[in-house]
């Protein structure tokens, strides 16, 4: 996934203290229900999302304003349906349909009109993921199946069909394999399966709940080189599991001792990764209806972070800047949930505390282009759900950059090689992206480790056409360290 692009380095010039802002986009002002946006995804430094109107649409936002993604006459006319975005190589793929047609998968290059590449009939493909530069997705058609689209060969291939009804709970890439939580009609119920694209076979990872009851693995998340998920057993209820890709998954919690479950079965995005630890919300007993926030570091024991004494578990975890954001109920107050931020040390703080603006029933939190997007209700008394954008200028400032904030680019204009000089206050793994003026990536390299100190980053431009390009250097969290323009002669 390409990282955020900002063209004004002045945003990063040392702010003395945190400056927070919260903006709402009133997309659908004619209804009390709002536009009900969902599915925020990043592509070429912008946020793409669906709105769940009577006539659904796709929108794109730079965090300051928003516009329809495509001309309604080209694609959306009487609405779009679907709920998946995924970038594979340099293209964005999403689900949509034209008036009078069935659902299709569309391909978008950021500049030209989207093109339909896969027709799935009267079934909505969902849960798009990228594995080894191929687009994988689920189709629930009564039997259920997982397929993939190869953008190079332009072919569609079946991975596997599942039991009647499928009960697909998720797919996720892990260690060059595709992990599938589903019922394969092998007598194990809904369990974890592993698809090996090289061997072309599907195998059972483990029958976690060995009785006739499914373990129903959900909330699949990869972090720190391991797969984490929540699953049920008759002996322990719903608890957190850890899988290293080789040995059998291991249960790491039993916060609610005995057969009682620590986790709510219906919640989404119940796991988060932050500062090399896994965060989650659980309850400590079957009679306790309140949830608390915990963290788990691999090989250790889960520890209590904060007791919200809330009726609903924390969810929608997302890292933005140097903080962990999530949704939770307020302490001891029977009101709607709100967004909290946690710095890893102090007690979590509601964003209402720092912005003076409350939001209610938030969901779909996603950090994109130096901003935090989410869906919420502006007032407790209505259901007007719209996109919100939260900005922290200290997060934009990025602590890794030296206090002098000097970035040297030379030669500029250039004919063959460009040197970008910057200085880091601490070690970082960087990604360098070069895009043309249409936002299309022309050069990208990721996973480069740099120690603290001064560095020269070389960007080859000899094969590029003459013109102006935008360079962006970001860290692993997607925060932009430097961005600007350079010219190729």
Protein backbone atom coordinates (compact mmCIF):
# COMPACT_ATOMS: atom_id res chain seq x y z
CA UNK A 1 0.00 0.00 0.00
CA UNK A 2 1.43 3.38 -0.97
CA UNK A 3 1.87 5.78 1.90
CA UNK A 4 0.58 9.29 2.44
CA UNK A 5 1.61 12.14 0.18
CA UNK A 6 1.86 15.72 1.45
CA UNK A 7 3.28 18.55 -0.63
CA UNK A 8 3.73 21.11 2.12
CA UNK A 9 6.69 20.45 4.43
CA UNK A 10 5.57 23.38 6.56
CA UNK A 11 3.09 20.99 8.19
CA UNK A 12 6.02 19.25 9.88
CA UNK A 13 7.81 22.32 11.22
CA UNK A 14 8.09 21.86 15.01
CA UNK A 15 4.82 22.56 16.78
CA UNK A 16 5.34 23.35 20.45
CA UNK A 17 2.34 21.36 21.60
CA UNK A 18 -0.35 19.07 20.26
CA UNK A 19 -2.90 20.75 18.05
CA UNK A 20 -6.04 18.71 17.46
CA UNK A 21 -8.90 19.29 15.05
CA UNK A 22 -12.09 17.42 14.21
CA UNK A 23 -14.03 17.95 10.98
CA UNK A 24 -17.29 16.41 9.76
CA UNK A 25 -18.21 15.98 6.09
CA UNK A 26 -21.96 16.47 5.72
CA UNK A 27 -22.33 14.40 2.55
CA UNK A 28 -26.05 13.67 2.84
CA UNK A 29 -27.72 16.71 4.37
CA UNK A 30 -31.19 15.85 3.05
CA UNK A 31 -31.74 12.89 5.36
CA UNK A 32 -31.58 12.42 9.11
CA UNK A 33 -29.75 9.12 8.56
CA UNK A 34 -26.66 10.69 7.00
CA UNK A 35 -24.52 9.06 4.34
CA UNK A 36 -23.46 6.18 6.67
CA UNK A 37 -19.95 5.79 5.17
CA UNK A 38 -17.85 2.65 5.60
CA UNK A 39 -14.85 0.77 4.23
CA UNK A 40 -12.21 3.53 4.40
CA UNK A 41 -9.14 2.52 2.40
CA UNK A 42 -5.97 4.32 1.31
CA UNK A 43 -4.87 4.67 -2.28
CA UNK A 44 -2.23 7.12 -3.54
CA UNK A 45 -2.44 9.15 -0.34
CA UNK A 46 -6.24 9.57 -0.36
CA UNK A 47 -9.17 7.96 1.44
CA UNK A 48 -11.69 5.98 -0.60
CA UNK A 49 -14.97 4.88 0.96
CA UNK A 50 -18.54 3.76 0.31
CA UNK A 51 -21.66 5.51 1.51
CA UNK A 52 -24.71 3.47 2.43
CA UNK A 53 -27.39 5.74 1.01
CA UNK A 54 -30.62 4.68 -0.68
CA UNK A 55 -28.45 5.01 -3.78
CA UNK A 56 -24.96 4.01 -2.75
CA UNK A 57 -21.91 5.87 -4.02
CA UNK A 58 -18.15 5.91 -3.77
CA UNK A 59 -16.25 8.93 -2.48
CA UNK A 60 -12.62 10.03 -2.30
CA UNK A 61 -11.14 12.50 0.19
CA UNK A 62 -7.79 14.16 0.86
CA UNK A 63 -8.85 14.80 4.46
CA UNK A 64 -9.82 18.40 3.70
CA UNK A 65 -12.70 17.95 1.26
CA UNK A 66 -14.48 15.11 -0.54
CA UNK A 67 -15.76 14.36 -4.05
CA UNK A 68 -17.50 11.44 -5.79
CA UNK A 69 -14.89 8.93 -6.91
CA UNK A 70 -16.30 8.64 -10.45
CA UNK A 71 -18.79 10.45 -12.66
CA UNK A 72 -22.24 9.08 -11.72
CA UNK A 73 -23.13 8.76 -15.39
CA UNK A 74 -20.13 6.48 -15.97
CA UNK A 75 -20.73 3.97 -13.21
CA UNK A 76 -23.08 4.89 -10.41
CA UNK A 77 -26.30 6.24 -12.01
CA UNK A 78 -28.77 4.55 -9.62
CA UNK A 79 -26.22 3.49 -7.05
CA UNK A 80 -23.41 1.11 -6.22
CA UNK A 81 -23.32 -1.85 -3.89
CA UNK A 82 -20.45 -3.64 -2.24
CA UNK A 83 -17.98 -3.16 0.54
CA UNK A 84 -14.44 -4.01 -0.45
CA UNK A 85 -11.34 -2.08 -1.51
CA UNK A 86 -7.85 -3.50 -2.00
CA UNK A 87 -4.68 -2.29 -3.71
CA UNK A 88 -2.72 -4.86 -5.71
CA UNK A 89 0.52 -3.57 -7.18
CA UNK A 90 -0.38 -0.09 -8.44
CA UNK A 91 -4.14 -0.55 -8.97
CA UNK A 92 -7.15 -0.22 -6.67
CA UNK A 93 -9.84 -2.93 -6.84
CA UNK A 94 -13.37 -2.58 -5.54
CA UNK A 95 -16.87 -4.02 -5.80
CA UNK A 96 -19.58 -2.18 -7.75
CA UNK A 97 -22.40 -2.57 -10.23
CA UNK A 98 -23.96 -0.51 -12.99
CA UNK A 99 -27.73 -0.02 -13.24
CA UNK A 100 -29.41 -3.20 -14.42
CA UNK A 101 -26.22 -5.27 -14.14
CA UNK A 102 -24.82 -7.76 -11.65
CA UNK A 103 -21.91 -7.03 -9.32
CA UNK A 104 -18.43 -6.85 -10.77
CA UNK A 105 -14.91 -6.23 -9.58
CA UNK A 106 -13.53 -2.98 -10.95
CA UNK A 107 -9.91 -1.92 -11.47
CA UNK A 108 -8.87 1.73 -11.00
CA UNK A 109 -5.50 3.37 -11.75
CA UNK A 110 -6.20 6.67 -9.99
CA UNK A 111 -6.61 8.66 -13.19
CA UNK A 112 -8.76 6.92 -15.79
CA UNK A 113 -12.31 5.57 -15.50
CA UNK A 114 -12.61 2.28 -13.55
CA UNK A 115 -12.73 -0.87 -15.68
CA UNK A 116 -14.70 -4.04 -14.86
CA UNK A 117 -12.32 -7.03 -14.74
CA UNK A 118 -14.35 -9.79 -13.01
CA UNK A 119 -18.06 -10.57 -13.21
CA UNK A 120 -19.42 -12.47 -10.18
CA UNK A 121 -23.08 -12.76 -11.12
CA UNK A 122 -25.74 -11.89 -8.58
CA UNK A 123 -23.30 -12.26 -5.67
CA UNK A 124 -21.19 -9.61 -3.98
CA UNK A 125 -17.46 -10.42 -3.76
CA UNK A 126 -16.07 -9.28 -0.41
CA UNK A 127 -13.11 -9.18 1.98
CA UNK A 128 -10.50 -8.38 -0.66
CA UNK A 129 -6.87 -9.10 0.28
CA UNK A 130 -3.57 -9.02 -1.61
CA UNK A 131 -1.38 -12.14 -1.54
CA UNK A 132 1.71 -12.27 -3.75
CA UNK A 133 0.28 -9.61 -6.10
CA UNK A 134 -3.03 -11.39 -6.66
CA UNK A 135 -6.48 -10.29 -5.49
CA UNK A 136 -8.24 -12.82 -3.23
CA UNK A 137 -11.89 -12.53 -2.24
CA UNK A 138 -14.92 -14.43 -0.91
CA UNK A 139 -18.21 -15.06 -2.71
CA UNK A 140 -21.17 -16.16 -0.60
CA UNK A 141 -23.43 -17.91 -3.11
CA UNK A 142 -25.02 -20.59 -0.93
CA UNK A 143 -22.04 -22.91 -1.34
CA UNK A 144 -19.40 -20.24 -0.66
CA UNK A 145 -16.00 -20.08 -2.31
CA UNK A 146 -12.68 -18.26 -2.29
CA UNK A 147 -11.28 -17.08 -5.63
CA UNK A 148 -8.41 -14.95 -6.82
CA UNK A 149 -7.86 -12.62 -9.75
CA UNK A 150 -4.44 -12.46 -11.41
CA UNK A 151 -3.92 -8.90 -12.75
CA UNK A 152 -1.06 -10.02 -15.02
CA UNK A 153 -2.74 -13.05 -16.63
CA UNK A 154 -6.17 -11.37 -16.26
CA UNK A 155 -7.66 -14.69 -15.15
CA UNK A 156 -9.91 -15.79 -12.28
CA UNK A 157 -9.11 -18.98 -10.37
CA UNK A 158 -10.96 -20.99 -7.72
CA UNK A 159 -9.08 -21.53 -4.47
CA UNK A 160 -11.67 -23.70 -2.76
CA UNK A 161 -15.38 -24.30 -2.31
CA UNK A 162 -16.79 -24.68 1.16
CA UNK A 163 -19.63 -26.39 2.95
CA UNK A 164 -23.20 -25.31 2.28
CA UNK A 165 -23.50 -21.84 3.79
CA UNK A 166 -19.74 -21.63 4.22
CA UNK A 167 -19.82 -19.57 7.41
CA UNK A 168 -16.75 -17.71 6.21
CA UNK A 169 -15.47 -15.57 9.07
CA UNK A 170 -12.42 -14.12 7.37
CA UNK A 171 -9.38 -14.49 5.13
CA UNK A 172 -5.94 -13.01 5.74
CA UNK A 173 -2.45 -13.42 4.21
CA UNK A 174 0.13 -14.87 6.59
CA UNK A 175 3.62 -16.21 5.84
CA UNK A 176 2.94 -16.30 2.07
CA UNK A 177 -0.18 -18.41 2.70
CA UNK A 178 -3.87 -17.52 2.85
CA UNK A 179 -5.55 -18.27 6.18
CA UNK A 180 -9.27 -18.97 5.86
CA UNK A 181 -11.76 -19.25 8.73
CA UNK A 182 -14.66 -21.32 7.38
CA UNK A 183 -16.48 -24.65 7.32
CA UNK A 184 -14.90 -27.00 4.76
CA UNK A 185 -17.43 -29.75 5.50
CA UNK A 186 -14.73 -32.04 6.93
CA UNK A 187 -16.50 -32.65 10.23
CA UNK A 188 -14.50 -29.99 12.07
CA UNK A 189 -17.02 -27.16 11.71
CA UNK A 190 -15.78 -23.58 11.31
CA UNK A 191 -12.02 -23.75 11.89
CA UNK A 192 -8.77 -22.34 10.49
CA UNK A 193 -7.56 -23.57 7.09
CA UNK A 194 -4.40 -22.71 5.18
CA UNK A 195 -4.12 -22.29 1.40
CA UNK A 196 -0.63 -22.68 -0.10
CA UNK A 197 -0.58 -20.85 -3.49
CA UNK A 198 2.62 -22.58 -4.52
CA UNK A 199 1.38 -26.11 -3.84
CA UNK A 200 -2.21 -25.23 -4.71
CA UNK A 201 -3.76 -27.08 -1.77
CA UNK A 202 -5.89 -26.30 1.29
CA UNK A 203 -5.21 -27.95 4.66
CA UNK A 204 -6.61 -27.74 8.18
CA UNK A 205 -4.44 -25.67 10.52
CA UNK A 206 -6.00 -27.10 13.67
CA UNK A 207 -9.31 -28.36 15.02
CA UNK A 208 -9.21 -25.92 17.91
CA UNK A 209 -12.51 -27.05 19.37
CA UNK A 210 -12.29 -30.82 18.98
CA UNK A 211 -15.93 -31.40 19.89
CA UNK A 212 -18.69 -31.19 17.28
CA UNK A 213 -18.94 -27.45 18.01
CA UNK A 214 -17.01 -24.99 15.83
CA UNK A 215 -14.30 -22.79 17.31
CA UNK A 216 -15.35 -20.06 14.81
CA UNK A 217 -12.04 -18.11 14.60
CA UNK A 218 -12.70 -14.39 14.11
CA UNK A 219 -10.90 -11.03 14.22
CA UNK A 220 -7.90 -12.41 12.33
CA UNK A 221 -4.90 -10.08 12.68
CA UNK A 222 -1.21 -10.42 11.79
CA UNK A 223 1.24 -8.58 14.03
CA UNK A 224 4.87 -9.04 15.05
CA UNK A 225 5.25 -12.03 12.73
CA UNK A 226 2.33 -13.99 14.22
CA UNK A 227 -1.36 -14.50 13.59
CA UNK A 228 -3.80 -13.56 16.36
CA UNK A 229 -7.49 -14.39 16.52
CA UNK A 230 -10.38 -15.07 18.88
CA UNK A 231 -11.84 -18.57 19.00
CA UNK A 232 -14.22 -20.67 21.10
CA UNK A 233 -13.70 -23.97 22.90
CA UNK A 234 -16.15 -25.80 25.13
CA UNK A 235 -13.61 -25.77 27.96
CA UNK A 236 -12.63 -22.06 27.93
CA UNK A 237 -15.24 -20.12 25.95
CA UNK A 238 -14.06 -17.37 23.55
CA UNK A 239 -10.43 -16.46 24.16
CA UNK A 240 -7.36 -15.05 22.37
CA UNK A 241 -5.08 -17.37 20.36
CA UNK A 242 -1.61 -16.98 18.87
CA UNK A 243 -0.29 -18.87 15.81
CA UNK A 244 3.32 -18.81 14.63
CA UNK A 245 2.63 -20.48 11.28
CA UNK A 246 4.32 -23.76 12.22
CA UNK A 247 3.13 -25.19 15.53
CA UNK A 248 -0.51 -25.47 16.60
CA UNK A 249 -2.27 -22.25 17.71
CA UNK A 250 -1.87 -21.53 21.42
CA UNK A 251 -4.49 -20.04 23.73
CA UNK A 252 -2.91 -17.06 25.52
CA UNK A 253 -5.77 -15.86 27.73
CA UNK A 254 -8.42 -17.09 30.09
CA UNK A 255 -9.40 -13.77 31.62
CA UNK A 256 -12.89 -15.06 32.25
CA UNK A 257 -11.93 -18.34 34.01
CA UNK A 258 -13.60 -21.60 33.12
CA UNK A 259 -16.10 -22.04 30.32
CA UNK A 260 -17.19 -18.39 30.31
CA UNK A 261 -16.11 -16.24 27.36
CA UNK A 262 -13.89 -13.18 27.72
CA UNK A 263 -14.97 -11.80 24.34
CA UNK A 264 -18.21 -10.74 22.71
CA UNK A 265 -18.92 -12.82 19.62
CA UNK A 266 -20.47 -9.97 17.61
CA UNK A 267 -17.85 -7.24 17.84
CA UNK A 268 -15.56 -6.26 14.93
CA UNK A 269 -11.91 -5.24 14.98
CA UNK A 270 -11.53 -6.41 18.58
CA UNK A 271 -7.74 -6.75 18.38
CA UNK A 272 -5.11 -4.07 17.90
CA UNK A 273 -1.31 -4.01 17.64
CA UNK A 274 0.64 -1.18 19.27
CA UNK A 275 4.24 -0.88 20.51
CA UNK A 276 4.92 -4.63 19.95
CA UNK A 277 1.93 -5.64 22.07
CA UNK A 278 -1.57 -6.91 21.28
CA UNK A 279 -4.44 -4.89 22.75
CA UNK A 280 -7.96 -6.17 23.34
CA UNK A 281 -11.02 -5.64 25.52
CA UNK A 282 -12.36 -8.45 27.70
CA UNK A 283 -14.52 -9.14 30.74
CA UNK A 284 -13.22 -10.98 33.78
CA UNK A 285 -16.26 -13.02 34.80
CA UNK A 286 -19.56 -14.33 33.50
CA UNK A 287 -21.49 -12.13 35.93
CA UNK A 288 -19.47 -9.02 35.05
CA UNK A 289 -20.98 -7.10 32.12
CA UNK A 290 -18.20 -4.49 32.05
CA UNK A 291 -15.18 -4.71 29.77
CA UNK A 292 -11.61 -3.59 30.49
CA UNK A 293 -8.64 -2.93 28.20
CA UNK A 294 -5.75 -5.44 28.28
CA UNK A 295 -2.46 -5.89 26.50
CA UNK A 296 -0.49 -9.03 25.69
CA UNK A 297 3.17 -9.37 24.73
CA UNK A 298 4.15 -12.67 23.13
CA UNK A 299 5.31 -15.22 25.69
CA UNK A 300 3.98 -13.20 28.62
CA UNK A 301 0.71 -12.85 30.51
CA UNK A 302 -2.04 -10.38 29.56
CA UNK A 303 -2.06 -7.34 31.85
CA UNK A 304 -4.78 -4.79 32.65
CA UNK A 305 -4.28 -1.42 30.95
CA UNK A 306 -7.45 0.41 31.93
CA UNK A 307 -10.81 -0.58 33.39
CA UNK A 308 -13.46 1.29 31.44
CA UNK A 309 -16.24 -0.38 33.43
CA UNK A 310 -18.14 -0.19 30.14
CA UNK A 311 -20.98 -2.31 28.87
CA UNK A 312 -19.47 -2.84 25.41
CA UNK A 313 -15.96 -4.00 24.53
CA UNK A 314 -13.40 -1.67 22.97
CA UNK A 315 -13.09 -2.19 19.22
CA UNK A 316 -11.91 -0.66 15.91
CA UNK A 317 -8.27 -0.40 17.05
CA UNK A 318 -6.03 1.74 14.82
CA UNK A 319 -2.54 3.23 15.26
CA UNK A 320 -2.23 6.89 14.27
CA UNK A 321 1.04 8.70 14.87
CA UNK A 322 2.40 7.56 18.22
CA UNK A 323 -0.96 6.66 19.74
CA UNK A 324 -3.49 3.83 19.68
CA UNK A 325 -7.06 4.87 18.86
CA UNK A 326 -10.16 2.78 19.53
CA UNK A 327 -13.89 2.94 20.30
CA UNK A 328 -15.19 2.36 23.81
CA UNK A 329 -18.04 3.32 26.11
CA UNK A 330 -17.49 6.08 28.64
CA UNK A 331 -16.65 5.14 32.20
CA UNK A 332 -19.70 4.34 34.30
CA UNK A 333 -21.94 6.40 32.01
CA UNK A 334 -24.80 4.81 30.12
CA UNK A 335 -24.24 6.82 26.93
CA UNK A 336 -23.06 6.00 23.45
CA UNK A 337 -19.48 4.99 22.69
CA UNK A 338 -16.81 7.46 21.61
CA UNK A 339 -13.22 7.53 20.30
CA UNK A 340 -10.32 7.20 22.73
CA UNK A 341 -6.59 7.66 22.22
CA UNK A 342 -3.88 5.96 24.25
CA UNK A 343 -0.19 6.89 24.34
CA UNK A 344 1.02 3.64 25.93
CA UNK A 345 1.59 5.17 29.37
CA UNK A 346 -1.18 7.43 30.59
CA UNK A 347 -4.88 6.63 30.87
CA UNK A 348 -6.83 6.66 27.57
CA UNK A 349 -8.34 10.05 26.73
CA UNK A 350 -11.49 10.75 24.73
CA UNK A 351 -10.92 12.91 21.65
CA UNK A 352 -13.74 15.10 22.99
CA UNK A 353 -11.32 16.11 25.77
CA UNK A 354 -8.80 17.55 23.31
CA UNK A 355 -11.15 18.86 20.60
CA UNK A 356 -14.14 19.96 22.64
CA UNK A 357 -16.39 18.04 20.23
CA UNK A 358 -18.09 14.79 21.17
CA UNK A 359 -18.90 12.05 18.67
CA UNK A 360 -21.22 9.10 19.18
CA UNK A 361 -21.34 5.48 17.97
CA UNK A 362 -18.07 5.74 15.98
CA UNK A 363 -16.80 2.91 13.76
CA UNK A 364 -14.53 2.17 10.77
CA UNK A 365 -11.49 4.00 12.17
CA UNK A 366 -8.65 4.24 9.64
CA UNK A 367 -5.42 6.29 9.57
CA UNK A 368 -4.88 7.71 6.06
CA UNK A 369 -2.55 10.43 4.79
CA UNK A 370 -1.64 11.83 8.20
CA UNK A 371 -5.25 11.97 9.34
CA UNK A 372 -7.68 9.70 11.16
CA UNK A 373 -10.95 8.93 9.35
CA UNK A 374 -13.98 7.39 11.05
CA UNK A 375 -17.76 7.28 10.86
CA UNK A 376 -19.80 8.69 13.71
CA UNK A 377 -22.92 10.53 14.81
CA UNK A 378 -22.55 14.21 15.66
CA UNK A 379 -25.39 14.28 18.16
CA UNK A 380 -26.54 11.74 20.72
CA UNK A 381 -30.17 12.40 19.80
CA UNK A 382 -30.06 11.53 16.07
CA UNK A 383 -28.69 8.97 13.62
CA UNK A 384 -26.94 11.31 11.20
CA UNK A 385 -23.84 9.20 10.50
CA UNK A 386 -21.17 10.97 8.43
CA UNK A 387 -17.37 10.86 7.87
CA UNK A 388 -15.21 12.57 10.50
CA UNK A 389 -11.54 13.53 10.14
CA UNK A 390 -9.36 13.88 13.25
CA UNK A 391 -5.96 15.55 12.88
CA UNK A 392 -3.05 15.72 15.32
CA UNK A 393 -0.30 18.08 14.11
CA UNK A 394 2.21 16.51 16.49
CA UNK A 395 1.55 13.21 14.72
CA UNK A 396 2.14 15.05 11.44
CA UNK A 397 5.35 16.50 12.89
CA UNK A 398 6.80 12.96 13.23
CA UNK A 399 9.31 12.81 16.14
CA UNK A 400 11.86 10.80 14.11
CA UNK A 401 12.81 13.89 12.09
CA UNK A 402 15.59 16.10 13.48
CA UNK A 403 14.59 19.36 15.12
CA UNK A 404 16.13 21.41 12.32
CA UNK A 405 13.77 19.62 9.89
CA UNK A 406 16.07 20.24 6.91
CA UNK A 407 15.60 18.04 3.86
CA UNK A 408 18.05 18.52 0.99
CA UNK A 409 17.20 17.39 -2.54
CA UNK A 410 19.92 17.57 -5.21
CA UNK A 411 20.44 17.87 -8.05
CA UNK A 412 17.03 19.31 -8.79
CA UNK A 413 16.35 19.31 -11.75
CA UNK A 414 18.07 15.95 -12.34
CA UNK A 415 18.86 13.70 -15.29
CA UNK A 416 19.77 10.31 -13.73
CA UNK A 417 19.95 10.19 -9.89
CA UNK A 418 18.45 12.32 -7.12
CA UNK A 419 19.90 12.42 -3.61
CA UNK A 420 17.48 13.14 -0.75
CA UNK A 421 19.28 14.01 2.46
CA UNK A 422 17.57 13.82 5.84
CA UNK A 423 18.49 13.27 9.47
CA UNK A 424 16.75 10.90 11.90
CA UNK A 425 16.51 11.32 15.68
CA UNK A 426 15.97 7.56 16.01
CA UNK A 427 16.23 4.48 13.85
CA UNK A 428 13.39 3.84 11.40
CA UNK A 429 12.34 1.58 8.56
CA UNK A 430 11.49 3.76 5.59
CA UNK A 431 9.52 3.60 2.36
CA UNK A 432 10.28 5.85 -0.60
CA UNK A 433 7.57 6.53 -3.20
CA UNK A 434 7.82 8.64 -6.34
CA UNK A 435 4.61 9.56 -8.17
CA UNK A 436 3.82 11.52 -11.30
CA UNK A 437 1.46 14.48 -11.35
CA UNK A 438 -1.49 12.15 -11.93
CA UNK A 439 -0.73 10.38 -8.63
CA UNK A 440 0.55 7.23 -10.33
CA UNK A 441 3.52 5.48 -8.71
CA UNK A 442 6.60 5.42 -10.93
CA UNK A 443 9.11 4.26 -8.31
CA UNK A 444 8.69 2.61 -4.92
CA UNK A 445 10.95 0.81 -2.45
CA UNK A 446 10.04 -0.27 1.08
CA UNK A 447 11.56 -1.94 4.14
CA UNK A 448 14.81 0.03 4.21
CA UNK A 449 16.25 0.22 7.77
CA UNK A 450 18.13 3.38 8.74
CA UNK A 451 19.99 4.10 11.98
CA UNK A 452 19.84 7.37 13.87
CA UNK A 453 21.77 10.13 12.12
CA UNK A 454 22.18 11.68 8.67
CA UNK A 455 21.48 9.75 5.47
CA UNK A 456 21.45 10.18 1.70
CA UNK A 457 18.64 8.34 -0.10
CA UNK A 458 19.21 7.76 -3.80
CA UNK A 459 16.25 7.78 -6.20
CA UNK A 460 16.88 6.72 -9.83
CA UNK A 461 15.07 8.85 -12.40
CA UNK A 462 16.99 8.13 -15.60
CA UNK A 463 14.17 5.99 -17.04
CA UNK A 464 11.47 8.55 -16.31
CA UNK A 465 9.99 10.94 -18.83
CA UNK A 466 10.84 14.61 -18.42
CA UNK A 467 8.48 16.36 -16.02
CA UNK A 468 7.64 17.10 -12.38
CA UNK A 469 7.29 14.31 -9.79
CA UNK A 470 6.38 14.08 -6.09
CA UNK A 471 8.66 12.19 -3.69
CA UNK A 472 7.46 10.89 -0.33
CA UNK A 473 9.44 9.26 2.48
CA UNK A 474 7.36 7.56 5.19
CA UNK A 475 7.99 5.26 8.17
CA UNK A 476 6.43 1.84 8.82
CA UNK A 477 3.38 3.42 10.46
CA UNK A 478 2.65 5.38 7.28
CA UNK A 479 3.64 8.74 8.76
CA UNK A 480 5.27 11.04 6.20
CA UNK A 481 8.80 12.21 7.12
CA UNK A 482 9.46 14.23 3.99
CA UNK A 483 7.63 15.10 0.80
CA UNK A 484 8.15 17.53 -2.05
CA UNK A 485 8.62 17.98 -5.75
CA UNK A 486 11.54 17.23 -8.02
CA UNK A 487 12.03 17.77 -11.72
CA UNK A 488 13.38 15.29 -14.29
CA UNK A 489 15.04 16.94 -17.30
